[in-house]
Amino acid sequence: MSDLKKSQNQIELIQGMIENQSGGYTHSPSQISSIQRNPIIIPGNLNEVLAQLKESISDTQVEFLQSYINAGEWNLALETLCDLLIEEEIPINSRGYELLQEVGNVLNVEGETWEMLKVQVTP
């Protein structure tokens, strides 16, 4: 197989992985390169927030959210986690809020997804 054909196959593979990890959302080329540079940061941030919240949310909720993260459904995990925190008025510390904000920015999710949590941030 020629080097050009191998490169094209690798690009298609990476694009497929990104589509899988993005929860089916489409991204512009600049957003894709941002996700490619952050394949560990996104699930790492989400997992860190879940670890911080283990005392505040049920094991079932943690497992449910973890399944989204493990499946690469990061957008869905972020939106579901933020909705859960808002609906149940669960406090989140400033580090957790910053982690969610970073994930949202990398995934190009609407800021209102996590900004409603500001009133629940604790020091």
PDB file of N, CA and C in Angstrom:
ATOM      1  N   MET A   1       0.859  -1.177   0.000  1.00  0.00           N
ATOM      2  CA  MET A   1       0.000   0.000   0.000  1.00  0.00           C
ATOM      3  C   MET A   1       0.899   1.231   0.000  1.00  0.00           C
ATOM      4  N   SER A   2       0.571   2.196  -0.818  1.00  0.00           N
ATOM      5  CA  SER A   2       1.383   3.407  -0.907  1.00  0.00           C
ATOM      6  C   SER A   2       1.242   4.241   0.363  1.00  0.00           C
ATOM      7  N   ASP A   3       2.256   5.103   0.597  1.00  0.00           N
ATOM      8  CA  ASP A   3       2.225   5.980   1.768  1.00  0.00           C
ATOM      9  C   ASP A   3       1.020   6.902   1.736  1.00  0.00           C
ATOM     10  N   LEU A   4       0.654   7.380   0.530  1.00  0.00           N
ATOM     11  CA  LEU A   4      -0.497   8.273   0.400  1.00  0.00           C
ATOM     12  C   LEU A   4      -1.776   7.544   0.794  1.00  0.00           C
ATOM     13  N   LYS A   5      -1.938   6.314   0.348  1.00  0.00           N
ATOM     14  CA  LYS A   5      -3.135   5.529   0.680  1.00  0.00           C
ATOM     15  C   LYS A   5      -3.182   5.252   2.178  1.00  0.00           C
ATOM     16  N   LYS A   6      -2.022   4.949   2.799  1.00  0.00           N
ATOM     17  CA  LYS A   6      -1.979   4.727   4.242  1.00  0.00           C
ATOM     18  C   LYS A   6      -2.397   5.985   4.984  1.00  0.00           C
ATOM     19  N   SER A   7      -1.913   7.133   4.541  1.00  0.00           N
ATOM     20  CA  SER A   7      -2.269   8.408   5.177  1.00  0.00           C
ATOM     21  C   SER A   7      -3.762   8.674   5.068  1.00  0.00           C
ATOM     22  N   GLN A   8      -4.333   8.409   3.900  1.00  0.00           N
ATOM     23  CA  GLN A   8      -5.762   8.615   3.721  1.00  0.00           C
ATOM     24  C   GLN A   8      -6.557   7.689   4.634  1.00  0.00           C
ATOM     25  N   ASN A   9      -6.126   6.442   4.758  1.00  0.00           N
ATOM     26  CA  ASN A   9      -6.806   5.497   5.645  1.00  0.00           C
ATOM     27  C   ASN A   9      -6.707   5.946   7.102  1.00  0.00           C
ATOM     28  N   GLN A  10      -5.542   6.456   7.500  1.00  0.00           N
ATOM     29  CA  GLN A  10      -5.365   6.931   8.866  1.00  0.00           C
ATOM     30  C   GLN A  10      -6.267   8.130   9.143  1.00  0.00           C
ATOM     31  N   ILE A  11      -6.378   9.033   8.189  1.00  0.00           N
ATOM     32  CA  ILE A  11      -7.238  10.212   8.351  1.00  0.00           C
ATOM     33  C   ILE A  11      -8.687   9.769   8.511  1.00  0.00           C
ATOM     34  N   GLU A  12      -9.136   8.821   7.676  1.00  0.00           N
ATOM     35  CA  GLU A  12     -10.504   8.329   7.786  1.00  0.00           C
ATOM     36  C   GLU A  12     -10.744   7.648   9.130  1.00  0.00           C
ATOM     37  N   LEU A  13      -9.770   6.902   9.604  1.00  0.00           N
ATOM     38  CA  LEU A  13      -9.890   6.239  10.900  1.00  0.00           C
ATOM     39  C   LEU A  13     -10.016   7.265  12.017  1.00  0.00           C
ATOM     40  N   ILE A  14      -9.178   8.285  11.994  1.00  0.00           N
ATOM     41  CA  ILE A  14      -9.212   9.333  13.018  1.00  0.00           C
ATOM     42  C   ILE A  14     -10.541  10.077  12.964  1.00  0.00           C
ATOM     43  N   GLN A  15     -11.010  10.400  11.765  1.00  0.00           N
ATOM     44  CA  GLN A  15     -12.286  11.093  11.643  1.00  0.00           C
ATOM     45  C   GLN A  15     -13.418  10.239  12.212  1.00  0.00           C
ATOM     46  N   GLY A  16     -13.392   8.933  11.969  1.00  0.00           N
ATOM     47  CA  GLY A  16     -14.405   8.044  12.524  1.00  0.00           C
ATOM     48  C   GLY A  16     -14.352   7.999  14.033  1.00  0.00           C
ATOM     49  N   MET A  17     -13.129   7.987  14.588  1.00  0.00           N
ATOM     50  CA  MET A  17     -12.971   7.983  16.037  1.00  0.00           C
ATOM     51  C   MET A  17     -13.517   9.274  16.636  1.00  0.00           C
ATOM     52  N   ILE A  18     -13.250  10.384  15.979  1.00  0.00           N
ATOM     53  CA  ILE A  18     -13.717  11.672  16.480  1.00  0.00           C
ATOM     54  C   ILE A  18     -15.235  11.723  16.452  1.00  0.00           C
ATOM     55  N   GLU A  19     -15.845  11.242  15.373  1.00  0.00           N
ATOM     56  CA  GLU A  19     -17.300  11.234  15.310  1.00  0.00           C
ATOM     57  C   GLU A  19     -17.876  10.376  16.424  1.00  0.00           C
ATOM     58  N   ASN A  20     -17.244   9.253  16.709  1.00  0.00           N
ATOM     59  CA  ASN A  20     -17.678   8.396  17.811  1.00  0.00           C
ATOM     60  C   ASN A  20     -17.566   9.097  19.144  1.00  0.00           C
ATOM     61  N   GLN A  21     -16.452   9.782  19.389  1.00  0.00           N
ATOM     62  CA  GLN A  21     -16.192  10.423  20.667  1.00  0.00           C
ATOM     63  C   GLN A  21     -17.026  11.671  20.858  1.00  0.00           C
ATOM     64  N   SER A  22     -17.483  12.265  19.801  1.00  0.00           N
ATOM     65  CA  SER A  22     -18.194  13.530  19.913  1.00  0.00           C
ATOM     66  C   SER A  22     -19.689  13.344  20.107  1.00  0.00           C
ATOM     67  N   GLY A  23     -20.138  12.125  20.218  1.00  0.00           N
ATOM     68  CA  GLY A  23     -21.562  11.899  20.423  1.00  0.00           C
ATOM     69  C   GLY A  23     -22.384  12.197  19.189  1.00  0.00           C
ATOM     70  N   GLY A  24     -21.756  12.116  18.002  1.00  0.00           N
ATOM     71  CA  GLY A  24     -22.481  12.351  16.774  1.00  0.00           C
ATOM     72  C   GLY A  24     -22.545  13.804  16.367  1.00  0.00           C
ATOM     73  N   TYR A  25     -21.983  14.697  17.156  1.00  0.00           N
ATOM     74  CA  TYR A  25     -21.974  16.099  16.801  1.00  0.00           C
ATOM     75  C   TYR A  25     -20.929  16.319  15.723  1.00  0.00           C
ATOM     76  N   THR A  26     -21.181  17.272  14.845  1.00  0.00           N
ATOM     77  CA  THR A  26     -20.191  17.573  13.822  1.00  0.00           C
ATOM     78  C   THR A  26     -19.334  18.738  14.281  1.00  0.00           C
ATOM     79  N   HIS A  27     -18.122  18.781  13.794  1.00  0.00           N
ATOM     80  CA  HIS A  27     -17.161  19.791  14.218  1.00  0.00           C
ATOM     81  C   HIS A  27     -16.471  20.398  13.008  1.00  0.00           C
ATOM     82  N   SER A  28     -16.090  21.641  13.135  1.00  0.00           N
ATOM     83  CA  SER A  28     -15.302  22.286  12.104  1.00  0.00           C
ATOM     84  C   SER A  28     -13.876  21.758  12.205  1.00  0.00           C
ATOM     85  N   PRO A  29     -13.027  21.966  11.175  1.00  0.00           N
ATOM     86  CA  PRO A  29     -11.643  21.492  11.249  1.00  0.00           C
ATOM     87  C   PRO A  29     -10.888  22.008  12.473  1.00  0.00           C
ATOM     88  N   SER A  30     -11.113  23.252  12.873  1.00  0.00           N
ATOM     89  CA  SER A  30     -10.403  23.764  14.052  1.00  0.00           C
ATOM     90  C   SER A  30     -10.876  23.060  15.314  1.00  0.00           C
ATOM     91  N   GLN A  31     -12.157  22.733  15.394  1.00  0.00           N
ATOM     92  CA  GLN A  31     -12.679  22.013  16.548  1.00  0.00           C
ATOM     93  C   GLN A  31     -12.159  20.584  16.575  1.00  0.00           C
ATOM     94  N   ILE A  32     -12.052  19.955  15.410  1.00  0.00           N
ATOM     95  CA  ILE A  32     -11.534  18.596  15.348  1.00  0.00           C
ATOM     96  C   ILE A  32     -10.102  18.563  15.842  1.00  0.00           C
ATOM     97  N   SER A  33      -9.281  19.518  15.420  1.00  0.00           N
ATOM     98  CA  SER A  33      -7.895  19.503  15.880  1.00  0.00           C
ATOM     99  C   SER A  33      -7.830  19.736  17.377  1.00  0.00           C
ATOM    100  N   SER A  34      -8.760  20.507  17.928  1.00  0.00           N
ATOM    101  CA  SER A  34      -8.812  20.724  19.369  1.00  0.00           C
ATOM    102  C   SER A  34      -9.133  19.429  20.086  1.00  0.00           C
ATOM    103  N   ILE A  35     -10.068  18.659  19.559  1.00  0.00           N
ATOM    104  CA  ILE A  35     -10.424  17.386  20.168  1.00  0.00           C
ATOM    105  C   ILE A  35      -9.276  16.402  20.016  1.00  0.00           C
ATOM    106  N   GLN A  36      -8.604  16.386  18.863  1.00  0.00           N
ATOM    107  CA  GLN A  36      -7.479  15.482  18.668  1.00  0.00           C
ATOM    108  C   GLN A  36      -6.371  15.781  19.673  1.00  0.00           C
ATOM    109  N   ARG A  37      -6.183  17.044  20.038  1.00  0.00           N
ATOM    110  CA  ARG A  37      -5.139  17.395  20.993  1.00  0.00           C
ATOM    111  C   ARG A  37      -5.563  17.074  22.418  1.00  0.00           C
ATOM    112  N   ASN A  38      -6.844  16.822  22.660  1.00  0.00           N
ATOM    113  CA  ASN A  38      -7.364  16.649  24.011  1.00  0.00           C
ATOM    114  C   ASN A  38      -8.115  15.342  24.224  1.00  0.00           C
ATOM    115  N   PRO A  39      -7.673  14.225  23.640  1.00  0.00           N
ATOM    116  CA  PRO A  39      -8.454  12.996  23.813  1.00  0.00           C
ATOM    117  C   PRO A  39      -8.410  12.445  25.229  1.00  0.00           C
ATOM    118  N   ILE A  40      -7.438  12.866  26.017  1.00  0.00           N
ATOM    119  CA  ILE A  40      -7.332  12.402  27.397  1.00  0.00           C
ATOM    120  C   ILE A  40      -7.906  13.434  28.347  1.00  0.00           C
ATOM    121  N   ILE A  41      -7.764  14.700  28.027  1.00  0.00           N
ATOM    122  CA  ILE A  41      -8.232  15.773  28.902  1.00  0.00           C
ATOM    123  C   ILE A  41      -9.741  15.693  29.112  1.00  0.00           C
ATOM    124  N   ILE A  42     -10.488  15.474  28.050  1.00  0.00           N
ATOM    125  CA  ILE A  42     -11.952  15.490  28.159  1.00  0.00           C
ATOM    126  C   ILE A  42     -12.460  14.407  29.115  1.00  0.00           C
ATOM    127  N   PRO A  43     -12.157  13.123  28.863  1.00  0.00           N
ATOM    128  CA  PRO A  43     -12.660  12.122  29.816  1.00  0.00           C
ATOM    129  C   PRO A  43     -12.016  12.263  31.187  1.00  0.00           C
ATOM    130  N   GLY A  44     -10.760  12.715  31.225  1.00  0.00           N
ATOM    131  CA  GLY A  44     -10.092  12.925  32.513  1.00  0.00           C
ATOM    132  C   GLY A  44     -10.795  13.974  33.348  1.00  0.00           C
ATOM    133  N   ASN A  45     -11.169  15.076  32.716  1.00  0.00           N
ATOM    134  CA  ASN A  45     -11.899  16.134  33.425  1.00  0.00           C
ATOM    135  C   ASN A  45     -13.253  15.637  33.911  1.00  0.00           C
ATOM    136  N   LEU A  46     -13.975  14.955  33.041  1.00  0.00           N
ATOM    137  CA  LEU A  46     -15.290  14.452  33.426  1.00  0.00           C
ATOM    138  C   LEU A  46     -15.179  13.444  34.577  1.00  0.00           C
ATOM    139  N   ASN A  47     -14.182  12.563  34.501  1.00  0.00           N
ATOM    140  CA  ASN A  47     -13.986  11.584  35.569  1.00  0.00           C
ATOM    141  C   ASN A  47     -13.591  12.242  36.881  1.00  0.00           C
ATOM    142  N   GLU A  48     -12.790  13.306  36.802  1.00  0.00           N
ATOM    143  CA  GLU A  48     -12.404  14.018  38.023  1.00  0.00           C
ATOM    144  C   GLU A  48     -13.621  14.652  38.691  1.00  0.00           C
ATOM    145  N   VAL A  49     -14.503  15.243  37.900  1.00  0.00           N
ATOM    146  CA  VAL A  49     -15.726  15.831  38.464  1.00  0.00           C
ATOM    147  C   VAL A  49     -16.594  14.738  39.091  1.00  0.00           C
ATOM    148  N   LEU A  50     -16.730  13.611  38.415  1.00  0.00           N
ATOM    149  CA  LEU A  50     -17.510  12.512  38.984  1.00  0.00           C
ATOM    150  C   LEU A  50     -16.923  12.049  40.313  1.00  0.00           C
ATOM    151  N   ALA A  51     -15.603  11.971  40.387  1.00  0.00           N
ATOM    152  CA  ALA A  51     -14.957  11.557  41.634  1.00  0.00           C
ATOM    153  C   ALA A  51     -15.258  12.552  42.752  1.00  0.00           C
ATOM    154  N   GLN A  52     -15.275  13.839  42.422  1.00  0.00           N
ATOM    155  CA  GLN A  52     -15.587  14.869  43.419  1.00  0.00           C
ATOM    156  C   GLN A  52     -17.029  14.761  43.909  1.00  0.00           C
ATOM    157  N   LEU A  53     -17.902  14.281  43.050  1.00  0.00           N
ATOM    158  CA  LEU A  53     -19.338  14.264  43.355  1.00  0.00           C
ATOM    159  C   LEU A  53     -19.846  12.927  43.882  1.00  0.00           C
ATOM    160  N   LYS A  54     -18.960  11.958  44.075  1.00  0.00           N
ATOM    161  CA  LYS A  54     -19.407  10.614  44.476  1.00  0.00           C
ATOM    162  C   LYS A  54     -20.240  10.614  45.752  1.00  0.00           C
ATOM    163  N   GLU A  55     -20.003  11.559  46.638  1.00  0.00           N
ATOM    164  CA  GLU A  55     -20.774  11.632  47.877  1.00  0.00           C
ATOM    165  C   GLU A  55     -22.129  12.318  47.665  1.00  0.00           C
ATOM    166  N   SER A  56     -22.281  13.009  46.545  1.00  0.00           N
ATOM    167  CA  SER A  56     -23.489  13.806  46.304  1.00  0.00           C
ATOM    168  C   SER A  56     -24.467  13.177  45.319  1.00  0.00           C
ATOM    169  N   ILE A  57     -23.990  12.243  44.517  1.00  0.00           N
ATOM    170  CA  ILE A  57     -24.879  11.590  43.551  1.00  0.00           C
ATOM    171  C   ILE A  57     -24.806  10.076  43.766  1.00  0.00           C
ATOM    172  N   SER A  58     -25.825   9.396  43.319  1.00  0.00           N
ATOM    173  CA  SER A  58     -25.919   7.949  43.565  1.00  0.00           C
ATOM    174  C   SER A  58     -24.914   7.175  42.716  1.00  0.00           C
ATOM    175  N   ASP A  59     -24.617   5.957  43.164  1.00  0.00           N
ATOM    176  CA  ASP A  59     -23.741   5.068  42.398  1.00  0.00           C
ATOM    177  C   ASP A  59     -24.322   4.798  41.013  1.00  0.00           C
ATOM    178  N   THR A  60     -25.623   4.674  40.944  1.00  0.00           N
ATOM    179  CA  THR A  60     -26.289   4.435  39.661  1.00  0.00           C
ATOM    180  C   THR A  60     -26.062   5.607  38.708  1.00  0.00           C
ATOM    181  N   GLN A  61     -26.180   6.834  39.234  1.00  0.00           N
ATOM    182  CA  GLN A  61     -25.949   8.015  38.404  1.00  0.00           C
ATOM    183  C   GLN A  61     -24.496   8.074  37.941  1.00  0.00           C
ATOM    184  N   VAL A  62     -23.570   7.748  38.841  1.00  0.00           N
ATOM    185  CA  VAL A  62     -22.145   7.732  38.475  1.00  0.00           C
ATOM    186  C   VAL A  62     -21.904   6.713  37.370  1.00  0.00           C
ATOM    187  N   GLU A  63     -22.446   5.505  37.531  1.00  0.00           N
ATOM    188  CA  GLU A  63     -22.278   4.451  36.525  1.00  0.00           C
ATOM    189  C   GLU A  63     -22.885   4.855  35.187  1.00  0.00           C
ATOM    190  N   PHE A  64     -24.036   5.479  35.220  1.00  0.00           N
ATOM    191  CA  PHE A  64     -24.720   5.938  34.019  1.00  0.00           C
ATOM    192  C   PHE A  64     -23.852   6.957  33.274  1.00  0.00           C
ATOM    193  N   LEU A  65     -23.361   7.957  34.006  1.00  0.00           N
ATOM    194  CA  LEU A  65     -22.505   8.980  33.406  1.00  0.00           C
ATOM    195  C   LEU A  65     -21.184   8.382  32.929  1.00  0.00           C
ATOM    196  N   GLN A  66     -20.645   7.465  33.700  1.00  0.00           N
ATOM    197  CA  GLN A  66     -19.392   6.805  33.330  1.00  0.00           C
ATOM    198  C   GLN A  66     -19.546   6.034  32.024  1.00  0.00           C
ATOM    199  N   SER A  67     -20.710   5.437  31.820  1.00  0.00           N
ATOM    200  CA  SER A  67     -20.939   4.692  30.572  1.00  0.00           C
ATOM    201  C   SER A  67     -20.889   5.628  29.366  1.00  0.00           C
ATOM    202  N   TYR A  68     -21.421   6.848  29.507  1.00  0.00           N
ATOM    203  CA  TYR A  68     -21.322   7.838  28.419  1.00  0.00           C
ATOM    204  C   TYR A  68     -19.866   8.204  28.160  1.00  0.00           C
ATOM    205  N   ILE A  69     -19.121   8.444  29.227  1.00  0.00           N
ATOM    206  CA  ILE A  69     -17.714   8.838  29.078  1.00  0.00           C
ATOM    207  C   ILE A  69     -16.933   7.720  28.396  1.00  0.00           C
ATOM    208  N   ASN A  70     -17.107   6.496  28.870  1.00  0.00           N
ATOM    209  CA  ASN A  70     -16.377   5.355  28.308  1.00  0.00           C
ATOM    210  C   ASN A  70     -16.730   5.095  26.851  1.00  0.00           C
ATOM    211  N   ALA A  71     -17.965   5.436  26.468  1.00  0.00           N
ATOM    212  CA  ALA A  71     -18.409   5.243  25.090  1.00  0.00           C
ATOM    213  C   ALA A  71     -17.987   6.404  24.184  1.00  0.00           C
ATOM    214  N   GLY A  72     -17.328   7.407  24.762  1.00  0.00           N
ATOM    215  CA  GLY A  72     -16.928   8.563  23.965  1.00  0.00           C
ATOM    216  C   GLY A  72     -18.059   9.546  23.722  1.00  0.00           C
ATOM    217  N   GLU A  73     -19.138   9.403  24.442  1.00  0.00           N
ATOM    218  CA  GLU A  73     -20.296  10.303  24.323  1.00  0.00           C
ATOM    219  C   GLU A  73     -20.098  11.482  25.273  1.00  0.00           C
ATOM    220  N   TRP A  74     -19.031  12.234  25.045  1.00  0.00           N
ATOM    221  CA  TRP A  74     -18.623  13.288  25.971  1.00  0.00           C
ATOM    222  C   TRP A  74     -19.606  14.435  26.033  1.00  0.00           C
ATOM    223  N   ASN A  75     -20.170  14.829  24.897  1.00  0.00           N
ATOM    224  CA  ASN A  75     -21.170  15.893  24.893  1.00  0.00           C
ATOM    225  C   ASN A  75     -22.374  15.495  25.748  1.00  0.00           C
ATOM    226  N   LEU A  76     -22.831  14.278  25.535  1.00  0.00           N
ATOM    227  CA  LEU A  76     -23.981  13.776  26.273  1.00  0.00           C
ATOM    228  C   LEU A  76     -23.668  13.660  27.767  1.00  0.00           C
ATOM    229  N   ALA A  77     -22.459  13.211  28.094  1.00  0.00           N
ATOM    230  CA  ALA A  77     -22.048  13.111  29.499  1.00  0.00           C
ATOM    231  C   ALA A  77     -22.035  14.489  30.150  1.00  0.00           C
ATOM    232  N   LEU A  78     -21.468  15.476  29.466  1.00  0.00           N
ATOM    233  CA  LEU A  78     -21.399  16.838  30.004  1.00  0.00           C
ATOM    234  C   LEU A  78     -22.800  17.403  30.213  1.00  0.00           C
ATOM    235  N   GLU A  79     -23.639  17.311  29.205  1.00  0.00           N
ATOM    236  CA  GLU A  79     -24.988  17.869  29.300  1.00  0.00           C
ATOM    237  C   GLU A  79     -25.811  17.169  30.380  1.00  0.00           C
ATOM    238  N   THR A  80     -25.701  15.850  30.457  1.00  0.00           N
ATOM    239  CA  THR A  80     -26.451  15.090  31.460  1.00  0.00           C
ATOM    240  C   THR A  80     -25.982  15.429  32.867  1.00  0.00           C
ATOM    241  N   LEU A  81     -24.666  15.506  33.039  1.00  0.00           N
ATOM    242  CA  LEU A  81     -24.119  15.838  34.357  1.00  0.00           C
ATOM    243  C   LEU A  81     -24.546  17.238  34.787  1.00  0.00           C
ATOM    244  N   CYS A  82     -24.443  18.199  33.900  1.00  0.00           N
ATOM    245  CA  CYS A  82     -24.857  19.566  34.249  1.00  0.00           C
ATOM    246  C   CYS A  82     -26.346  19.621  34.572  1.00  0.00           C
ATOM    247  N   ASP A  83     -27.167  18.943  33.769  1.00  0.00           N
ATOM    248  CA  ASP A  83     -28.613  18.907  34.033  1.00  0.00           C
ATOM    249  C   ASP A  83     -28.904  18.300  35.397  1.00  0.00           C
ATOM    250  N   LEU A  84     -28.217  17.214  35.718  1.00  0.00           N
ATOM    251  CA  LEU A  84     -28.405  16.550  37.009  1.00  0.00           C
ATOM    252  C   LEU A  84     -28.064  17.487  38.167  1.00  0.00           C
ATOM    253  N   LEU A  85     -26.923  18.156  38.056  1.00  0.00           N
ATOM    254  CA  LEU A  85     -26.492  19.068  39.121  1.00  0.00           C
ATOM    255  C   LEU A  85     -27.465  20.228  39.292  1.00  0.00           C
ATOM    256  N   ILE A  86     -27.946  20.755  38.177  1.00  0.00           N
ATOM    257  CA  ILE A  86     -28.872  21.891  38.223  1.00  0.00           C
ATOM    258  C   ILE A  86     -30.221  21.456  38.794  1.00  0.00           C
ATOM    259  N   GLU A  87     -30.767  20.370  38.269  1.00  0.00           N
ATOM    260  CA  GLU A  87     -32.092  19.917  38.697  1.00  0.00           C
ATOM    261  C   GLU A  87     -32.125  19.517  40.162  1.00  0.00           C
ATOM    262  N   GLU A  88     -31.063  18.882  40.638  1.00  0.00           N
ATOM    263  CA  GLU A  88     -31.039  18.422  42.025  1.00  0.00           C
ATOM    264  C   GLU A  88     -30.342  19.426  42.955  1.00  0.00           C
ATOM    265  N   GLU A  89     -29.968  20.569  42.380  1.00  0.00           N
ATOM    266  CA  GLU A  89     -29.318  21.659  43.130  1.00  0.00           C
ATOM    267  C   GLU A  89     -28.140  21.147  43.963  1.00  0.00           C
ATOM    268  N   ILE A  90     -27.308  20.368  43.304  1.00  0.00           N
ATOM    269  CA  ILE A  90     -26.127  19.797  43.953  1.00  0.00           C
ATOM    270  C   ILE A  90     -24.981  20.797  43.827  1.00  0.00           C
ATOM    271  N   PRO A  91     -24.361  21.169  44.942  1.00  0.00           N
ATOM    272  CA  PRO A  91     -23.239  22.106  44.870  1.00  0.00           C
ATOM    273  C   PRO A  91     -22.029  21.463  44.189  1.00  0.00           C
ATOM    274  N   ILE A  92     -21.230  22.300  43.568  1.00  0.00           N
ATOM    275  CA  ILE A  92     -20.005  21.858  42.909  1.00  0.00           C
ATOM    276  C   ILE A  92     -18.903  22.842  43.286  1.00  0.00           C
ATOM    277  N   ASN A  93     -17.707  22.346  43.522  1.00  0.00           N
ATOM    278  CA  ASN A  93     -16.631  23.269  43.891  1.00  0.00           C
ATOM    279  C   ASN A  93     -16.097  23.983  42.655  1.00  0.00           C
ATOM    280  N   SER A  94     -15.319  25.011  42.876  1.00  0.00           N
ATOM    281  CA  SER A  94     -14.846  25.839  41.760  1.00  0.00           C
ATOM    282  C   SER A  94     -13.978  25.036  40.796  1.00  0.00           C
ATOM    283  N   ARG A  95     -13.186  24.099  41.310  1.00  0.00           N
ATOM    284  CA  ARG A  95     -12.362  23.254  40.429  1.00  0.00           C
ATOM    285  C   ARG A  95     -13.261  22.412  39.518  1.00  0.00           C
ATOM    286  N   GLY A  96     -14.296  21.811  40.060  1.00  0.00           N
ATOM    287  CA  GLY A  96     -15.219  21.018  39.252  1.00  0.00           C
ATOM    288  C   GLY A  96     -15.886  21.853  38.174  1.00  0.00           C
ATOM    289  N   TYR A  97     -16.285  23.065  38.549  1.00  0.00           N
ATOM    290  CA  TYR A  97     -16.912  23.964  37.582  1.00  0.00           C
ATOM    291  C   TYR A  97     -15.933  24.283  36.449  1.00  0.00           C
ATOM    292  N   GLU A  98     -14.689  24.585  36.806  1.00  0.00           N
ATOM    293  CA  GLU A  98     -13.670  24.905  35.796  1.00  0.00           C
ATOM    294  C   GLU A  98     -13.425  23.724  34.863  1.00  0.00           C
ATOM    295  N   LEU A  99     -13.427  22.505  35.410  1.00  0.00           N
ATOM    296  CA  LEU A  99     -13.239  21.315  34.583  1.00  0.00           C
ATOM    297  C   LEU A  99     -14.385  21.139  33.590  1.00  0.00           C
ATOM    298  N   LEU A 100     -15.617  21.334  34.057  1.00  0.00           N
ATOM    299  CA  LEU A 100     -16.770  21.234  33.156  1.00  0.00           C
ATOM    300  C   LEU A 100     -16.727  22.320  32.085  1.00  0.00           C
ATOM    301  N   GLN A 101     -16.332  23.501  32.486  1.00  0.00           N
ATOM    302  CA  GLN A 101     -16.223  24.613  31.539  1.00  0.00           C
ATOM    303  C   GLN A 101     -15.171  24.294  30.470  1.00  0.00           C
ATOM    304  N   GLU A 102     -14.040  23.741  30.881  1.00  0.00           N
ATOM    305  CA  GLU A 102     -12.994  23.391  29.924  1.00  0.00           C
ATOM    306  C   GLU A 102     -13.481  22.337  28.928  1.00  0.00           C
ATOM    307  N   VAL A 103     -14.159  21.321  29.417  1.00  0.00           N
ATOM    308  CA  VAL A 103     -14.711  20.288  28.532  1.00  0.00           C
ATOM    309  C   VAL A 103     -15.699  20.917  27.555  1.00  0.00           C
ATOM    310  N   GLY A 104     -16.589  21.745  28.067  1.00  0.00           N
ATOM    311  CA  GLY A 104     -17.576  22.397  27.206  1.00  0.00           C
ATOM    312  C   GLY A 104     -16.932  23.249  26.140  1.00  0.00           C
ATOM    313  N   ASN A 105     -15.896  23.983  26.504  1.00  0.00           N
ATOM    314  CA  ASN A 105     -15.205  24.823  25.528  1.00  0.00           C
ATOM    315  C   ASN A 105     -14.498  23.994  24.464  1.00  0.00           C
ATOM    316  N   VAL A 106     -13.832  22.915  24.877  1.00  0.00           N
ATOM    317  CA  VAL A 106     -13.138  22.054  23.914  1.00  0.00           C
ATOM    318  C   VAL A 106     -14.127  21.416  22.948  1.00  0.00           C
ATOM    319  N   LEU A 107     -15.286  21.000  23.469  1.00  0.00           N
ATOM    320  CA  LEU A 107     -16.298  20.350  22.629  1.00  0.00           C
ATOM    321  C   LEU A 107     -17.194  21.347  21.910  1.00  0.00           C
ATOM    322  N   ASN A 108     -16.995  22.632  22.176  1.00  0.00           N
ATOM    323  CA  ASN A 108     -17.790  23.691  21.555  1.00  0.00           C
ATOM    324  C   ASN A 108     -19.278  23.560  21.892  1.00  0.00           C
ATOM    325  N   VAL A 109     -19.541  23.251  23.166  1.00  0.00           N
ATOM    326  CA  VAL A 109     -20.911  23.146  23.665  1.00  0.00           C
ATOM    327  C   VAL A 109     -21.356  24.541  24.105  1.00  0.00           C
ATOM    328  N   GLU A 110     -22.640  24.836  23.949  1.00  0.00           N
ATOM    329  CA  GLU A 110     -23.185  26.128  24.366  1.00  0.00           C
ATOM    330  C   GLU A 110     -22.856  26.389  25.834  1.00  0.00           C
ATOM    331  N   GLY A 111     -22.386  27.575  26.151  1.00  0.00           N
ATOM    332  CA  GLY A 111     -22.001  27.938  27.508  1.00  0.00           C
ATOM    333  C   GLY A 111     -23.127  27.816  28.514  1.00  0.00           C
ATOM    334  N   GLU A 112     -24.346  27.994  28.072  1.00  0.00           N
ATOM    335  CA  GLU A 112     -25.468  27.911  29.011  1.00  0.00           C
ATOM    336  C   GLU A 112     -25.590  26.518  29.628  1.00  0.00           C
ATOM    337  N   THR A 113     -24.960  25.520  29.012  1.00  0.00           N
ATOM    338  CA  THR A 113     -24.995  24.156  29.548  1.00  0.00           C
ATOM    339  C   THR A 113     -24.423  24.108  30.959  1.00  0.00           C
ATOM    340  N   TRP A 114     -23.314  24.794  31.189  1.00  0.00           N
ATOM    341  CA  TRP A 114     -22.687  24.785  32.513  1.00  0.00           C
ATOM    342  C   TRP A 114     -22.792  26.113  33.250  1.00  0.00           C
ATOM    343  N   GLU A 115     -23.068  27.201  32.571  1.00  0.00           N
ATOM    344  CA  GLU A 115     -23.090  28.511  33.221  1.00  0.00           C
ATOM    345  C   GLU A 115     -24.192  28.626  34.287  1.00  0.00           C
ATOM    346  N   MET A 116     -25.261  27.857  34.145  1.00  0.00           N
ATOM    347  CA  MET A 116     -26.320  27.886  35.142  1.00  0.00           C
ATOM    348  C   MET A 116     -25.844  27.303  36.472  1.00  0.00           C
ATOM    349  N   LEU A 117     -24.718  26.608  36.462  1.00  0.00           N
ATOM    350  CA  LEU A 117     -24.163  26.033  37.684  1.00  0.00           C
ATOM    351  C   LEU A 117     -23.431  27.059  38.548  1.00  0.00           C
ATOM    352  N   LYS A 118     -23.163  28.252  38.003  1.00  0.00           N
ATOM    353  CA  LYS A 118     -22.387  29.261  38.738  1.00  0.00           C
ATOM    354  C   LYS A 118     -22.935  29.512  40.133  1.00  0.00           C
ATOM    355  N   VAL A 119     -24.256  29.549  40.273  1.00  0.00           N
ATOM    356  CA  VAL A 119     -24.866  29.842  41.573  1.00  0.00           C
ATOM    357  C   VAL A 119     -24.668  28.697  42.571  1.00  0.00           C
ATOM    358  N   GLN A 120     -24.255  27.523  42.077  1.00  0.00           N
ATOM    359  CA  GLN A 120     -24.063  26.365  42.939  1.00  0.00           C
ATOM    360  C   GLN A 120     -22.594  26.132  43.287  1.00  0.00           C
ATOM    361  N   VAL A 121     -21.709  26.987  42.783  1.00  0.00           N
ATOM    362  CA  VAL A 121     -20.270  26.796  43.016  1.00  0.00           C
ATOM    363  C   VAL A 121     -19.928  27.187  44.432  1.00  0.00           C
ATOM    364  N   THR A 122     -19.206  26.275  45.081  1.00  0.00           N
ATOM    365  CA  THR A 122     -18.721  26.514  46.445  1.00  0.00           C
ATOM    366  C   THR A 122     -17.211  26.709  46.406  1.00  0.00           C
ATOM    367  N   PRO A 123     -16.663  27.400  47.403  1.00  0.00           N
ATOM    368  CA  PRO A 123     -15.203  27.615  47.401  1.00  0.00           C
ATOM    369  C   PRO A 123     -14.401  26.340  47.564  1.00  0.00           C
TER     370      PRO A 123
END
